[in-house]
C-alpha atoms as a PDB file:
ATOM      1  CA  UNK A   1       0.010   0.036   0.039  1.00  0.00           C
ATOM      2  CA  UNK A   2       1.337   3.470  -0.858  1.00  0.00           C
ATOM      3  CA  UNK A   3       1.652   6.349   1.469  1.00  0.00           C
ATOM      4  CA  UNK A   4      -1.356   8.104  -0.062  1.00  0.00           C
ATOM      5  CA  UNK A   5      -3.542   4.742   0.031  1.00  0.00           C
ATOM      6  CA  UNK A   6      -2.716   4.408   3.698  1.00  0.00           C
ATOM      7  CA  UNK A   7      -3.766   7.914   4.501  1.00  0.00           C
ATOM      8  CA  UNK A   8      -6.953   7.471   2.331  1.00  0.00           C
ATOM      9  CA  UNK A   9      -7.723   4.273   4.209  1.00  0.00           C
ATOM     10  CA  UNK A  10      -7.546   5.884   7.582  1.00  0.00           C
ATOM     11  CA  UNK A  11      -9.646   8.811   6.292  1.00  0.00           C
ATOM     12  CA  UNK A  12     -12.296   6.278   5.264  1.00  0.00           C
ATOM     13  CA  UNK A  13     -12.160   4.625   8.563  1.00  0.00           C
ATOM     14  CA  UNK A  14     -12.593   8.027  10.299  1.00  0.00           C
ATOM     15  CA  UNK A  15     -15.560   8.709   8.096  1.00  0.00           C
ATOM     16  CA  UNK A  16     -17.141   5.401   8.752  1.00  0.00           C
ATOM     17  CA  UNK A  17     -16.738   6.014  12.550  1.00  0.00           C
ATOM     18  CA  UNK A  18     -18.270   9.414  12.226  1.00  0.00           C
ATOM     19  CA  UNK A  19     -21.281   7.951  10.467  1.00  0.00           C
ATOM     20  CA  UNK A  20     -21.639   5.142  13.083  1.00  0.00           C
ATOM     21  CA  UNK A  21     -21.671   7.758  15.922  1.00  0.00           C
ATOM     22  CA  UNK A  22     -24.193  10.013  13.944  1.00  0.00           C
ATOM     23  CA  UNK A  23     -26.493   6.934  13.637  1.00  0.00           C
ATOM     24  CA  UNK A  24     -26.098   6.213  17.312  1.00  0.00           C
ATOM     25  CA  UNK A  25     -26.878   9.902  18.140  1.00  0.00           C
ATOM     26  CA  UNK A  26     -30.047   9.789  15.956  1.00  0.00           C
ATOM     27  CA  UNK A  27     -31.242   6.591  17.508  1.00  0.00           C
ATOM     28  CA  UNK A  28     -30.731   8.111  21.095  1.00  0.00           C
ATOM     29  CA  UNK A  29     -32.758  11.155  20.057  1.00  0.00           C
ATOM     30  CA  UNK A  30     -35.513   9.143  18.639  1.00  0.00           C
ATOM     31  CA  UNK A  31     -35.663   6.925  21.794  1.00  0.00           C
ATOM     32  CA  UNK A  32     -35.668  10.052  23.934  1.00  0.00           C
ATOM     33  CA  UNK A  33     -38.623  11.384  22.056  1.00  0.00           C
ATOM     34  CA  UNK A  34     -40.460   8.036  22.211  1.00  0.00           C
ATOM     35  CA  UNK A  35     -39.856   7.932  26.003  1.00  0.00           C
ATOM     36  CA  UNK A  36     -41.157  11.462  26.330  1.00  0.00           C
ATOM     37  CA  UNK A  37     -44.284  10.729  24.251  1.00  0.00           C
ATOM     38  CA  UNK A  38     -45.008   7.619  26.203  1.00  0.00           C
ATOM     39  CA  UNK A  39     -44.674   9.496  29.446  1.00  0.00           C
ATOM     40  CA  UNK A  40     -46.919  12.321  28.165  1.00  0.00           C
ATOM     41  CA  UNK A  41     -49.576   9.884  26.839  1.00  0.00           C
ATOM     42  CA  UNK A  42     -49.972   7.938  30.056  1.00  0.00           C
ATOM     43  CA  UNK A  43     -53.437   8.731  31.206  1.00  0.00           C
ATOM     44  CA  UNK A  44     -54.411   9.276  34.880  1.00  0.00           C
ATOM     45  CA  UNK A  45     -56.386   6.379  36.145  1.00  0.00           C
ATOM     46  CA  UNK A  46     -58.183   5.513  39.338  1.00  0.00           C
ATOM     47  CA  UNK A  47     -54.831   3.771  40.194  1.00  0.00           C
ATOM     48  CA  UNK A  48     -52.838   7.034  40.589  1.00  0.00           C
ATOM     49  CA  UNK A  49     -49.659   5.090  41.660  1.00  0.00           C
ATOM     50  CA  UNK A  50     -49.641   3.351  38.219  1.00  0.00           C
ATOM     51  CA  UNK A  51     -49.918   6.730  36.394  1.00  0.00           C
ATOM     52  CA  UNK A  52     -47.036   8.193  38.353  1.00  0.00           C
ATOM     53  CA  UNK A  53     -44.884   5.129  38.147  1.00  0.00           C
ATOM     54  CA  UNK A  54     -45.323   4.983  34.412  1.00  0.00           C
ATOM     55  CA  UNK A  55     -44.551   8.649  33.900  1.00  0.00           C
ATOM     56  CA  UNK A  56     -41.471   8.233  36.167  1.00  0.00           C
ATOM     57  CA  UNK A  57     -40.238   5.251  34.237  1.00  0.00           C
ATOM     58  CA  UNK A  58     -40.744   7.299  30.940  1.00  0.00           C
ATOM     59  CA  UNK A  59     -38.644  10.056  32.400  1.00  0.00           C
ATOM     60  CA  UNK A  60     -35.904   7.607  33.520  1.00  0.00           C
ATOM     61  CA  UNK A  61     -35.882   6.211  30.025  1.00  0.00           C
ATOM     62  CA  UNK A  62     -35.543   9.742  28.506  1.00  0.00           C
ATOM     63  CA  UNK A  63     -32.770  10.618  30.910  1.00  0.00           C
ATOM     64  CA  UNK A  64     -30.843   7.385  30.056  1.00  0.00           C
ATOM     65  CA  UNK A  65     -30.996   8.135  26.459  1.00  0.00           C
ATOM     66  CA  UNK A  66     -29.987  11.769  27.075  1.00  0.00           C
ATOM     67  CA  UNK A  67     -26.877  10.414  28.891  1.00  0.00           C
ATOM     68  CA  UNK A  68     -26.141   8.131  25.829  1.00  0.00           C
ATOM     69  CA  UNK A  69     -26.565  11.029  23.510  1.00  0.00           C
ATOM     70  CA  UNK A  70     -24.210  13.204  25.566  1.00  0.00           C
ATOM     71  CA  UNK A  71     -21.596  10.371  25.575  1.00  0.00           C
ATOM     72  CA  UNK A  72     -21.984  10.062  21.806  1.00  0.00           C
ATOM     73  CA  UNK A  73     -21.534  13.761  21.300  1.00  0.00           C
ATOM     74  CA  UNK A  74     -18.231  13.641  23.277  1.00  0.00           C
ATOM     75  CA  UNK A  75     -17.126  10.630  21.228  1.00  0.00           C
ATOM     76  CA  UNK A  76     -18.057  12.544  17.907  1.00  0.00           C
ATOM     77  CA  UNK A  77     -16.040  15.636  19.069  1.00  0.00           C
ATOM     78  CA  UNK A  78     -13.110  13.503  20.010  1.00  0.00           C
ATOM     79  CA  UNK A  79     -13.055  11.598  16.683  1.00  0.00           C
ATOM     80  CA  UNK A  80     -13.247  14.902  14.879  1.00  0.00           C
ATOM     81  CA  UNK A  81      -9.938  15.887  16.410  1.00  0.00           C
ATOM     82  CA  UNK A  82      -8.123  12.657  15.414  1.00  0.00           C
ATOM     83  CA  UNK A  83      -5.351  13.330  12.854  1.00  0.00           C
ATOM     84  CA  UNK A  84      -5.414  10.716  10.126  1.00  0.00           C
ATOM     85  CA  UNK A  85      -3.440  12.493   7.645  1.00  0.00           C
ATOM     86  CA  UNK A  86      -0.112  11.345   9.169  1.00  0.00           C
ATOM     87  CA  UNK A  87       1.534   7.990   9.087  1.00  0.00           C
ATOM     88  CA  UNK A  88       2.860   6.791  12.344  1.00  0.00           C
ATOM     89  CA  UNK A  89       5.666   4.509  13.279  1.00  0.00           C
ATOM     90  CA  UNK A  90       4.340   3.718  16.705  1.00  0.00           C
ATOM     91  CA  UNK A  91       0.855   3.132  17.999  1.00  0.00           C
ATOM     92  CA  UNK A  92      -0.828   6.316  18.908  1.00  0.00           C
ATOM     93  CA  UNK A  93      -4.177   8.053  18.447  1.00  0.00           C
ATOM     94  CA  UNK A  94      -4.901   8.170  14.717  1.00  0.00           C
ATOM     95  CA  UNK A  95      -2.848   5.003  13.988  1.00  0.00           C
ATOM     96  CA  UNK A  96      -4.036   1.818  12.299  1.00  0.00           C
ATOM     97  CA  UNK A  97      -2.351  -1.193  13.769  1.00  0.00           C
ATOM     98  CA  UNK A  98      -2.523  -4.339  11.486  1.00  0.00           C
ATOM     99  CA  UNK A  99      -2.181  -7.511  13.433  1.00  0.00           C
ATOM    100  CA  UNK A 100      -1.741 -10.980  11.856  1.00  0.00           C
ATOM    101  CA  UNK A 101      -5.504 -11.645  11.815  1.00  0.00           C
ATOM    102  CA  UNK A 102      -7.108  -8.273  12.789  1.00  0.00           C
ATOM    103  CA  UNK A 103      -6.716  -4.538  12.621  1.00  0.00           C
ATOM    104  CA  UNK A 104      -7.129  -1.886  15.302  1.00  0.00           C
ATOM    105  CA  UNK A 105      -7.800   1.870  14.807  1.00  0.00           C
ATOM    106  CA  UNK A 106      -7.093   4.089  17.778  1.00  0.00           C
ATOM    107  CA  UNK A 107      -9.561   6.793  17.428  1.00  0.00           C
ATOM    108  CA  UNK A 108     -12.906   6.137  18.990  1.00  0.00           C
ATOM    109  CA  UNK A 109     -14.463   3.491  21.208  1.00  0.00           C
ATOM    110  CA  UNK A 110     -16.808   1.874  18.673  1.00  0.00           C
ATOM    111  CA  UNK A 111     -15.835  -1.586  19.160  1.00  0.00           C
ATOM    112  CA  UNK A 112     -15.725  -4.239  16.462  1.00  0.00           C
ATOM    113  CA  UNK A 113     -16.889  -2.934  13.121  1.00  0.00           C
ATOM    114  CA  UNK A 114     -16.947  -4.418   9.622  1.00  0.00           C
ATOM    115  CA  UNK A 115     -15.625  -1.863   7.192  1.00  0.00           C
ATOM    116  CA  UNK A 116     -15.099  -2.796   3.490  1.00  0.00           C
ATOM    117  CA  UNK A 117     -15.500  -6.443   4.473  1.00  0.00           C
ATOM    118  CA  UNK A 118     -12.632  -6.145   6.917  1.00  0.00           C
ATOM    119  CA  UNK A 119     -13.002  -6.363  10.749  1.00  0.00           C
ATOM    120  CA  UNK A 120     -11.673  -3.342  12.433  1.00  0.00           C
ATOM    121  CA  UNK A 121     -11.622  -2.810  16.206  1.00  0.00           C
ATOM    122  CA  UNK A 122     -12.119   0.885  16.908  1.00  0.00           C
ATOM    123  CA  UNK A 123     -10.338   1.675  20.136  1.00  0.00           C
ATOM    124  CA  UNK A 124     -10.673   4.715  22.284  1.00  0.00           C
ATOM    125  CA  UNK A 125      -7.279   6.083  23.109  1.00  0.00           C
ATOM    126  CA  UNK A 126      -8.099   5.620  26.788  1.00  0.00           C
ATOM    127  CA  UNK A 127      -9.020   1.804  26.208  1.00  0.00           C
ATOM    128  CA  UNK A 128      -6.701  -0.622  28.107  1.00  0.00           C
ATOM    129  CA  UNK A 129      -5.766  -2.337  24.769  1.00  0.00           C
ATOM    130  CA  UNK A 130      -4.879   1.157  23.238  1.00  0.00           C
ATOM    131  CA  UNK A 131      -2.736   1.926  26.272  1.00  0.00           C
ATOM    132  CA  UNK A 132      -1.043  -1.584  25.928  1.00  0.00           C
ATOM    133  CA  UNK A 133      -0.382  -0.842  22.341  1.00  0.00           C
ATOM    134  CA  UNK A 134       1.000   2.674  22.922  1.00  0.00           C
ATOM    135  CA  UNK A 135       4.523   3.177  21.476  1.00  0.00           C
ATOM    136  CA  UNK A 136       4.633  -0.351  19.873  1.00  0.00           C
ATOM    137  CA  UNK A 137       6.091  -0.718  16.449  1.00  0.00           C
ATOM    138  CA  UNK A 138       5.747  -3.154  13.539  1.00  0.00           C
ATOM    139  CA  UNK A 139       7.176  -6.320  14.506  1.00  0.00           C
ATOM    140  CA  UNK A 140       6.328  -5.996  18.156  1.00  0.00           C
ATOM    141  CA  UNK A 141       4.167  -8.564  20.094  1.00  0.00           C
ATOM    142  CA  UNK A 142       0.982  -7.842  22.003  1.00  0.00           C
ATOM    143  CA  UNK A 143      -1.726  -9.879  23.667  1.00  0.00           C
ATOM    144  CA  UNK A 144      -5.393  -9.655  22.655  1.00  0.00           C
ATOM    145  CA  UNK A 145      -8.102 -11.979  24.043  1.00  0.00           C
ATOM    146  CA  UNK A 146      -5.389 -14.248  25.420  1.00  0.00           C
ATOM    147  CA  UNK A 147      -3.762 -14.567  22.057  1.00  0.00           C
ATOM    148  CA  UNK A 148      -0.263 -13.253  21.251  1.00  0.00           C
ATOM    149  CA  UNK A 149      -0.159 -11.632  18.062  1.00  0.00           C
ATOM    150  CA  UNK A 150       2.450  -9.558  16.031  1.00  0.00           C
ATOM    151  CA  UNK A 151       2.118  -6.071  14.537  1.00  0.00           C
ATOM    152  CA  UNK A 152       2.418  -6.624  10.894  1.00  0.00           C
ATOM    153  CA  UNK A 153       1.993  -3.106   9.739  1.00  0.00           C
ATOM    154  CA  UNK A 154       1.326   0.188  11.490  1.00  0.00           C
ATOM    155  CA  UNK A 155       0.562   3.540   9.989  1.00  0.00           C
END
């Protein structure tokens, strides 16, 4: 892969990550609205406690989705700051680490994703594995899920 192809690939991964976060944000907003509507539509009945409990549950659901939205918003802002226009020699934020059987992109904590029919593990820079990979170079070993693997390429 040429230098330009590596940078383009990382740019594509970043765009895919941004799209995933935006989808999650849209889902959280929709779920917040549904929870609010459910709480608003709950009718007062002769069993007043049921009414209050249902409204409270709706508000708890809304608050939970609001927290998820806030987390996704932070994740989106952090991903926007990741520099993918450089090639790195050591594992750091913005680097793609190609192992023997899997690849890791240190940018955002999105977990295991399939991008262009390849499995990529999106790692938050604060994730324990990202910390373990920090400053490793091509040819170095690391352990993932109890398996020792070698960094084949890093950029």
